[in-house]
PDB file of N, CA and C in Angstrom:
ATOM      1  N   MET A   1      44.599  22.661  33.669  1.00  0.00           N
ATOM      2  CA  MET A   1      44.659  22.991  35.085  1.00  0.00           C
ATOM      3  C   MET A   1      43.467  23.878  35.415  1.00  0.00           C
ATOM      4  N   SER A   2      42.608  23.401  36.238  1.00  0.00           N
ATOM      5  CA  SER A   2      41.493  24.250  36.656  1.00  0.00           C
ATOM      6  C   SER A   2      41.575  24.474  38.159  1.00  0.00           C
ATOM      7  N   ILE A   3      40.919  25.518  38.575  1.00  0.00           N
ATOM      8  CA  ILE A   3      40.905  25.876  39.990  1.00  0.00           C
ATOM      9  C   ILE A   3      39.494  25.632  40.493  1.00  0.00           C
ATOM     10  N   ALA A   4      39.372  24.820  41.503  1.00  0.00           N
ATOM     11  CA  ALA A   4      38.052  24.494  42.042  1.00  0.00           C
ATOM     12  C   ALA A   4      37.707  25.418  43.206  1.00  0.00           C
ATOM     13  N   TRP A   5      36.490  25.937  43.169  1.00  0.00           N
ATOM     14  CA  TRP A   5      35.973  26.700  44.308  1.00  0.00           C
ATOM     15  C   TRP A   5      35.615  25.703  45.394  1.00  0.00           C
ATOM     16  N   THR A   6      36.064  25.948  46.596  1.00  0.00           N
ATOM     17  CA  THR A   6      35.723  25.091  47.727  1.00  0.00           C
ATOM     18  C   THR A   6      35.165  25.965  48.850  1.00  0.00           C
ATOM     19  N   PRO A   7      34.339  25.404  49.702  1.00  0.00           N
ATOM     20  CA  PRO A   7      33.721  26.192  50.772  1.00  0.00           C
ATOM     21  C   PRO A   7      34.726  26.905  51.687  1.00  0.00           C
ATOM     22  N   ASN A   8      35.928  26.362  51.827  1.00  0.00           N
ATOM     23  CA  ASN A   8      36.897  27.016  52.711  1.00  0.00           C
ATOM     24  C   ASN A   8      37.393  28.349  52.134  1.00  0.00           C
ATOM     25  N   LEU A   9      37.083  28.635  50.868  1.00  0.00           N
ATOM     26  CA  LEU A   9      37.449  29.915  50.256  1.00  0.00           C
ATOM     27  C   LEU A   9      36.399  30.994  50.504  1.00  0.00           C
ATOM     28  N   SER A  10      35.275  30.601  51.046  1.00  0.00           N
ATOM     29  CA  SER A  10      34.179  31.531  51.291  1.00  0.00           C
ATOM     30  C   SER A  10      34.570  32.584  52.324  1.00  0.00           C
ATOM     31  N   VAL A  11      34.129  33.818  52.060  1.00  0.00           N
ATOM     32  CA  VAL A  11      34.311  34.878  53.049  1.00  0.00           C
ATOM     33  C   VAL A  11      33.050  35.050  53.888  1.00  0.00           C
ATOM     34  N   GLY A  12      32.008  34.277  53.546  1.00  0.00           N
ATOM     35  CA  GLY A  12      30.779  34.303  54.322  1.00  0.00           C
ATOM     36  C   GLY A  12      29.811  35.408  53.939  1.00  0.00           C
ATOM     37  N   VAL A  13      30.091  36.089  52.841  1.00  0.00           N
ATOM     38  CA  VAL A  13      29.197  37.137  52.341  1.00  0.00           C
ATOM     39  C   VAL A  13      28.775  36.690  50.950  1.00  0.00           C
ATOM     40  N   GLU A  14      27.497  36.350  50.807  1.00  0.00           N
ATOM     41  CA  GLU A  14      27.035  35.671  49.598  1.00  0.00           C
ATOM     42  C   GLU A  14      27.386  36.402  48.303  1.00  0.00           C
ATOM     43  N   HIS A  15      27.102  37.701  48.228  1.00  0.00           N
ATOM     44  CA  HIS A  15      27.349  38.385  46.954  1.00  0.00           C
ATOM     45  C   HIS A  15      28.840  38.517  46.653  1.00  0.00           C
ATOM     46  N   ILE A  16      29.678  38.591  47.676  1.00  0.00           N
ATOM     47  CA  ILE A  16      31.133  38.631  47.459  1.00  0.00           C
ATOM     48  C   ILE A  16      31.617  37.241  47.046  1.00  0.00           C
ATOM     49  N   ASP A  17      31.136  36.205  47.723  1.00  0.00           N
ATOM     50  CA  ASP A  17      31.494  34.833  47.335  1.00  0.00           C
ATOM     51  C   ASP A  17      31.055  34.541  45.902  1.00  0.00           C
ATOM     52  N   ASP A  18      29.872  35.010  45.528  1.00  0.00           N
ATOM     53  CA  ASP A  18      29.395  34.796  44.156  1.00  0.00           C
ATOM     54  C   ASP A  18      30.329  35.453  43.145  1.00  0.00           C
ATOM     55  N   GLN A  19      30.811  36.646  43.472  1.00  0.00           N
ATOM     56  CA  GLN A  19      31.755  37.314  42.576  1.00  0.00           C
ATOM     57  C   GLN A  19      33.065  36.531  42.488  1.00  0.00           C
ATOM     58  N   HIS A  20      33.539  36.035  43.615  1.00  0.00           N
ATOM     59  CA  HIS A  20      34.766  35.226  43.602  1.00  0.00           C
ATOM     60  C   HIS A  20      34.577  33.979  42.739  1.00  0.00           C
ATOM     61  N   LYS A  21      33.411  33.357  42.853  1.00  0.00           N
ATOM     62  CA  LYS A  21      33.131  32.160  42.044  1.00  0.00           C
ATOM     63  C   LYS A  21      33.170  32.486  40.553  1.00  0.00           C
ATOM     64  N   ILE A  22      32.675  33.655  40.180  1.00  0.00           N
ATOM     65  CA  ILE A  22      32.717  34.054  38.769  1.00  0.00           C
ATOM     66  C   ILE A  22      34.160  34.219  38.310  1.00  0.00           C
ATOM     67  N   TRP A  23      35.017  34.776  39.170  1.00  0.00           N
ATOM     68  CA  TRP A  23      36.442  34.871  38.820  1.00  0.00           C
ATOM     69  C   TRP A  23      37.016  33.484  38.546  1.00  0.00           C
ATOM     70  N   PHE A  24      36.676  32.539  39.394  1.00  0.00           N
ATOM     71  CA  PHE A  24      37.163  31.167  39.201  1.00  0.00           C
ATOM     72  C   PHE A  24      36.678  30.612  37.866  1.00  0.00           C
ATOM     73  N   GLU A  25      35.402  30.831  37.565  1.00  0.00           N
ATOM     74  CA  GLU A  25      34.848  30.343  36.293  1.00  0.00           C
ATOM     75  C   GLU A  25      35.593  30.942  35.108  1.00  0.00           C
ATOM     76  N   LYS A  26      35.856  32.239  35.160  1.00  0.00           N
ATOM     77  CA  LYS A  26      36.556  32.910  34.063  1.00  0.00           C
ATOM     78  C   LYS A  26      37.996  32.410  33.948  1.00  0.00           C
ATOM     79  N   ALA A  27      38.662  32.237  35.073  1.00  0.00           N
ATOM     80  CA  ALA A  27      40.036  31.718  35.043  1.00  0.00           C
ATOM     81  C   ALA A  27      40.055  30.319  34.453  1.00  0.00           C
ATOM     82  N   ASN A  28      39.112  29.494  34.850  1.00  0.00           N
ATOM     83  CA  ASN A  28      39.043  28.135  34.312  1.00  0.00           C
ATOM     84  C   ASN A  28      38.755  28.143  32.818  1.00  0.00           C
ATOM     85  N   ALA A  29      37.914  29.067  32.373  1.00  0.00           N
ATOM     86  CA  ALA A  29      37.642  29.183  30.935  1.00  0.00           C
ATOM     87  C   ALA A  29      38.911  29.576  30.186  1.00  0.00           C
ATOM     88  N   LEU A  30      39.712  30.448  30.776  1.00  0.00           N
ATOM     89  CA  LEU A  30      40.979  30.834  30.149  1.00  0.00           C
ATOM     90  C   LEU A  30      41.930  29.647  30.088  1.00  0.00           C
ATOM     91  N   PHE A  31      42.016  28.877  31.161  1.00  0.00           N
ATOM     92  CA  PHE A  31      42.870  27.678  31.158  1.00  0.00           C
ATOM     93  C   PHE A  31      42.432  26.715  30.060  1.00  0.00           C
ATOM     94  N   GLU A  32      41.129  26.517  29.953  1.00  0.00           N
ATOM     95  CA  GLU A  32      40.604  25.615  28.921  1.00  0.00           C
ATOM     96  C   GLU A  32      40.929  26.143  27.527  1.00  0.00           C
ATOM     97  N   ALA A  33      40.773  27.439  27.341  1.00  0.00           N
ATOM     98  CA  ALA A  33      41.100  28.038  26.040  1.00  0.00           C
ATOM     99  C   ALA A  33      42.572  27.813  25.712  1.00  0.00           C
ATOM    100  N   GLY A  34      43.417  27.919  26.714  1.00  0.00           N
ATOM    101  CA  GLY A  34      44.844  27.672  26.501  1.00  0.00           C
ATOM    102  C   GLY A  34      45.120  26.243  26.100  1.00  0.00           C
ATOM    103  N   LYS A  35      44.464  25.303  26.756  1.00  0.00           N
ATOM    104  CA  LYS A  35      44.654  23.885  26.415  1.00  0.00           C
ATOM    105  C   LYS A  35      44.192  23.591  24.997  1.00  0.00           C
ATOM    106  N   GLU A  36      43.176  24.323  24.552  1.00  0.00           N
ATOM    107  CA  GLU A  36      42.621  24.102  23.218  1.00  0.00           C
ATOM    108  C   GLU A  36      43.254  25.028  22.178  1.00  0.00           C
ATOM    109  N   LYS A  37      44.336  25.686  22.565  1.00  0.00           N
ATOM    110  CA  LYS A  37      45.061  26.603  21.671  1.00  0.00           C
ATOM    111  C   LYS A  37      44.189  27.774  21.210  1.00  0.00           C
ATOM    112  N   ARG A  38      43.253  28.189  22.069  1.00  0.00           N
ATOM    113  CA  ARG A  38      42.382  29.321  21.763  1.00  0.00           C
ATOM    114  C   ARG A  38      42.658  30.513  22.670  1.00  0.00           C
ATOM    115  N   ALA A  39      43.699  30.433  23.482  1.00  0.00           N
ATOM    116  CA  ALA A  39      43.953  31.481  24.471  1.00  0.00           C
ATOM    117  C   ALA A  39      44.146  32.845  23.820  1.00  0.00           C
ATOM    118  N   LYS A  40      44.816  32.865  22.680  1.00  0.00           N
ATOM    119  CA  LYS A  40      45.072  34.133  21.995  1.00  0.00           C
ATOM    120  C   LYS A  40      43.761  34.838  21.644  1.00  0.00           C
ATOM    121  N   GLU A  41      42.786  34.079  21.183  1.00  0.00           N
ATOM    122  CA  GLU A  41      41.478  34.640  20.828  1.00  0.00           C
ATOM    123  C   GLU A  41      40.710  35.090  22.073  1.00  0.00           C
ATOM    124  N   TYR A  42      40.898  34.381  23.155  1.00  0.00           N
ATOM    125  CA  TYR A  42      40.112  34.597  24.368  1.00  0.00           C
ATOM    126  C   TYR A  42      40.695  35.693  25.253  1.00  0.00           C
ATOM    127  N   ILE A  43      41.983  35.992  25.086  1.00  0.00           N
ATOM    128  CA  ILE A  43      42.674  36.853  26.037  1.00  0.00           C
ATOM    129  C   ILE A  43      42.080  38.264  26.103  1.00  0.00           C
ATOM    130  N   LYS A  44      41.706  38.862  24.979  1.00  0.00           N
ATOM    131  CA  LYS A  44      41.121  40.209  25.020  1.00  0.00           C
ATOM    132  C   LYS A  44      39.804  40.197  25.787  1.00  0.00           C
ATOM    133  N   THR A  45      38.983  39.217  25.528  1.00  0.00           N
ATOM    134  CA  THR A  45      37.717  39.094  26.252  1.00  0.00           C
ATOM    135  C   THR A  45      37.980  38.979  27.750  1.00  0.00           C
ATOM    136  N   MET A  46      38.960  38.156  28.113  1.00  0.00           N
ATOM    137  CA  MET A  46      39.288  37.946  29.519  1.00  0.00           C
ATOM    138  C   MET A  46      39.834  39.225  30.156  1.00  0.00           C
ATOM    139  N   LEU A  47      40.722  39.915  29.465  1.00  0.00           N
ATOM    140  CA  LEU A  47      41.283  41.143  30.022  1.00  0.00           C
ATOM    141  C   LEU A  47      40.216  42.223  30.185  1.00  0.00           C
ATOM    142  N   ASP A  48      39.318  42.332  29.227  1.00  0.00           N
ATOM    143  CA  ASP A  48      38.212  43.288  29.351  1.00  0.00           C
ATOM    144  C   ASP A  48      37.333  42.943  30.553  1.00  0.00           C
ATOM    145  N   PHE A  49      37.029  41.654  30.695  1.00  0.00           N
ATOM    146  CA  PHE A  49      36.236  41.211  31.842  1.00  0.00           C
ATOM    147  C   PHE A  49      36.946  41.560  33.152  1.00  0.00           C
ATOM    148  N   LEU A  50      38.226  41.198  33.247  1.00  0.00           N
ATOM    149  CA  LEU A  50      38.974  41.437  34.482  1.00  0.00           C
ATOM    150  C   LEU A  50      39.017  42.919  34.831  1.00  0.00           C
ATOM    151  N   ASP A  51      39.208  43.762  33.847  1.00  0.00           N
ATOM    152  CA  ASP A  51      39.262  45.198  34.087  1.00  0.00           C
ATOM    153  C   ASP A  51      37.955  45.695  34.702  1.00  0.00           C
ATOM    154  N   GLU A  52      36.856  45.419  34.058  1.00  0.00           N
ATOM    155  CA  GLU A  52      35.560  45.910  34.528  1.00  0.00           C
ATOM    156  C   GLU A  52      35.091  45.209  35.804  1.00  0.00           C
ATOM    157  N   TYR A  53      35.205  43.904  35.829  1.00  0.00           N
ATOM    158  CA  TYR A  53      34.674  43.141  36.951  1.00  0.00           C
ATOM    159  C   TYR A  53      35.474  43.383  38.224  1.00  0.00           C
ATOM    160  N   THR A  54      36.783  43.525  38.081  1.00  0.00           N
ATOM    161  CA  THR A  54      37.623  43.765  39.250  1.00  0.00           C
ATOM    162  C   THR A  54      37.291  45.115  39.874  1.00  0.00           C
ATOM    163  N   LYS A  55      37.105  46.123  39.056  1.00  0.00           N
ATOM    164  CA  LYS A  55      36.716  47.437  39.586  1.00  0.00           C
ATOM    165  C   LYS A  55      35.392  47.336  40.339  1.00  0.00           C
ATOM    166  N   LYS A  56      34.414  46.656  39.746  1.00  0.00           N
ATOM    167  CA  LYS A  56      33.109  46.493  40.388  1.00  0.00           C
ATOM    168  C   LYS A  56      33.243  45.708  41.691  1.00  0.00           C
ATOM    169  N   HIS A  57      34.019  44.635  41.644  1.00  0.00           N
ATOM    170  CA  HIS A  57      34.173  43.784  42.819  1.00  0.00           C
ATOM    171  C   HIS A  57      34.784  44.560  43.985  1.00  0.00           C
ATOM    172  N   PHE A  58      35.870  45.284  43.736  1.00  0.00           N
ATOM    173  CA  PHE A  58      36.510  46.017  44.825  1.00  0.00           C
ATOM    174  C   PHE A  58      35.609  47.136  45.349  1.00  0.00           C
ATOM    175  N   LYS A  59      34.832  47.745  44.472  1.00  0.00           N
ATOM    176  CA  LYS A  59      33.869  48.756  44.908  1.00  0.00           C
ATOM    177  C   LYS A  59      32.819  48.111  45.819  1.00  0.00           C
ATOM    178  N   ASP A  60      32.331  46.943  45.425  1.00  0.00           N
ATOM    179  CA  ASP A  60      31.343  46.227  46.241  1.00  0.00           C
ATOM    180  C   ASP A  60      31.928  45.801  47.582  1.00  0.00           C
ATOM    181  N   GLU A  61      33.165  45.300  47.568  1.00  0.00           N
ATOM    182  CA  GLU A  61      33.806  44.894  48.828  1.00  0.00           C
ATOM    183  C   GLU A  61      33.973  46.092  49.755  1.00  0.00           C
ATOM    184  N   GLU A  62      34.422  47.201  49.203  1.00  0.00           N
ATOM    185  CA  GLU A  62      34.615  48.392  50.021  1.00  0.00           C
ATOM    186  C   GLU A  62      33.290  48.877  50.601  1.00  0.00           C
ATOM    187  N   ALA A  63      32.232  48.864  49.802  1.00  0.00           N
ATOM    188  CA  ALA A  63      30.914  49.279  50.295  1.00  0.00           C
ATOM    189  C   ALA A  63      30.465  48.376  51.442  1.00  0.00           C
ATOM    190  N   PHE A  64      30.728  47.084  51.316  1.00  0.00           N
ATOM    191  CA  PHE A  64      30.360  46.161  52.384  1.00  0.00           C
ATOM    192  C   PHE A  64      31.162  46.465  53.649  1.00  0.00           C
ATOM    193  N   MET A  65      32.458  46.741  53.498  1.00  0.00           N
ATOM    194  CA  MET A  65      33.287  47.052  54.665  1.00  0.00           C
ATOM    195  C   MET A  65      32.816  48.331  55.351  1.00  0.00           C
ATOM    196  N   VAL A  66      32.395  49.310  54.573  1.00  0.00           N
ATOM    197  CA  VAL A  66      31.846  50.538  55.147  1.00  0.00           C
ATOM    198  C   VAL A  66      30.561  50.206  55.905  1.00  0.00           C
ATOM    199  N   GLU A  67      29.721  49.393  55.286  1.00  0.00           N
ATOM    200  CA  GLU A  67      28.435  49.014  55.888  1.00  0.00           C
ATOM    201  C   GLU A  67      28.617  48.337  57.244  1.00  0.00           C
ATOM    202  N   ILE A  68      29.611  47.478  57.358  1.00  0.00           N
ATOM    203  CA  ILE A  68      29.810  46.755  58.623  1.00  0.00           C
ATOM    204  C   ILE A  68      30.796  47.470  59.551  1.00  0.00           C
ATOM    205  N   ARG A  69      31.228  48.649  59.123  1.00  0.00           N
ATOM    206  CA  ARG A  69      32.203  49.439  59.897  1.00  0.00           C
ATOM    207  C   ARG A  69      33.476  48.627  60.173  1.00  0.00           C
ATOM    208  N   TYR A  70      34.008  48.057  59.120  1.00  0.00           N
ATOM    209  CA  TYR A  70      35.226  47.249  59.220  1.00  0.00           C
ATOM    210  C   TYR A  70      36.366  48.113  59.751  1.00  0.00           C
ATOM    211  N   PRO A  71      36.966  47.749  60.891  1.00  0.00           N
ATOM    212  CA  PRO A  71      37.961  48.614  61.532  1.00  0.00           C
ATOM    213  C   PRO A  71      39.267  48.774  60.739  1.00  0.00           C
ATOM    214  N   GLU A  72      39.567  47.865  59.862  1.00  0.00           N
ATOM    215  CA  GLU A  72      40.816  47.929  59.099  1.00  0.00           C
ATOM    216  C   GLU A  72      40.601  48.427  57.670  1.00  0.00           C
ATOM    217  N   LEU A  73      39.520  49.153  57.436  1.00  0.00           N
ATOM    218  CA  LEU A  73      39.179  49.594  56.082  1.00  0.00           C
ATOM    219  C   LEU A  73      40.294  50.412  55.441  1.00  0.00           C
ATOM    220  N   GLU A  74      40.840  51.362  56.147  1.00  0.00           N
ATOM    221  CA  GLU A  74      41.880  52.210  55.554  1.00  0.00           C
ATOM    222  C   GLU A  74      43.118  51.395  55.185  1.00  0.00           C
ATOM    223  N   ALA A  75      43.504  50.466  56.033  1.00  0.00           N
ATOM    224  CA  ALA A  75      44.651  49.601  55.723  1.00  0.00           C
ATOM    225  C   ALA A  75      44.339  48.722  54.517  1.00  0.00           C
ATOM    226  N   GLN A  76      43.114  48.246  54.436  1.00  0.00           N
ATOM    227  CA  GLN A  76      42.693  47.398  53.313  1.00  0.00           C
ATOM    228  C   GLN A  76      42.752  48.176  52.004  1.00  0.00           C
ATOM    229  N   LYS A  77      42.350  49.431  52.029  1.00  0.00           N
ATOM    230  CA  LYS A  77      42.386  50.263  50.824  1.00  0.00           C
ATOM    231  C   LYS A  77      43.813  50.426  50.307  1.00  0.00           C
ATOM    232  N   LYS A  78      44.772  50.466  51.234  1.00  0.00           N
ATOM    233  CA  LYS A  78      46.171  50.662  50.841  1.00  0.00           C
ATOM    234  C   LYS A  78      46.825  49.380  50.349  1.00  0.00           C
ATOM    235  N   ALA A  79      46.246  48.242  50.709  1.00  0.00           N
ATOM    236  CA  ALA A  79      46.860  46.946  50.368  1.00  0.00           C
ATOM    237  C   ALA A  79      46.736  46.627  48.896  1.00  0.00           C
TER     238      ALA A  79
END
């Protein structure tokens, strides 16, 4: 089972969309590892990636929202 990135998933901000695409690639790699019975070996790598990359991604998203003066920033932070 893989997840395909499609244009309708775009948020219209290139660097944020690029980060989302990387998440899709990593998720698909995990699915493939599972199909090949390699998920156990791959899971630590994936969890380490998710930990670091997710922190970076949310920091980047928040910086972009500050830059554009997104009116719902505080609500977004709480979500």
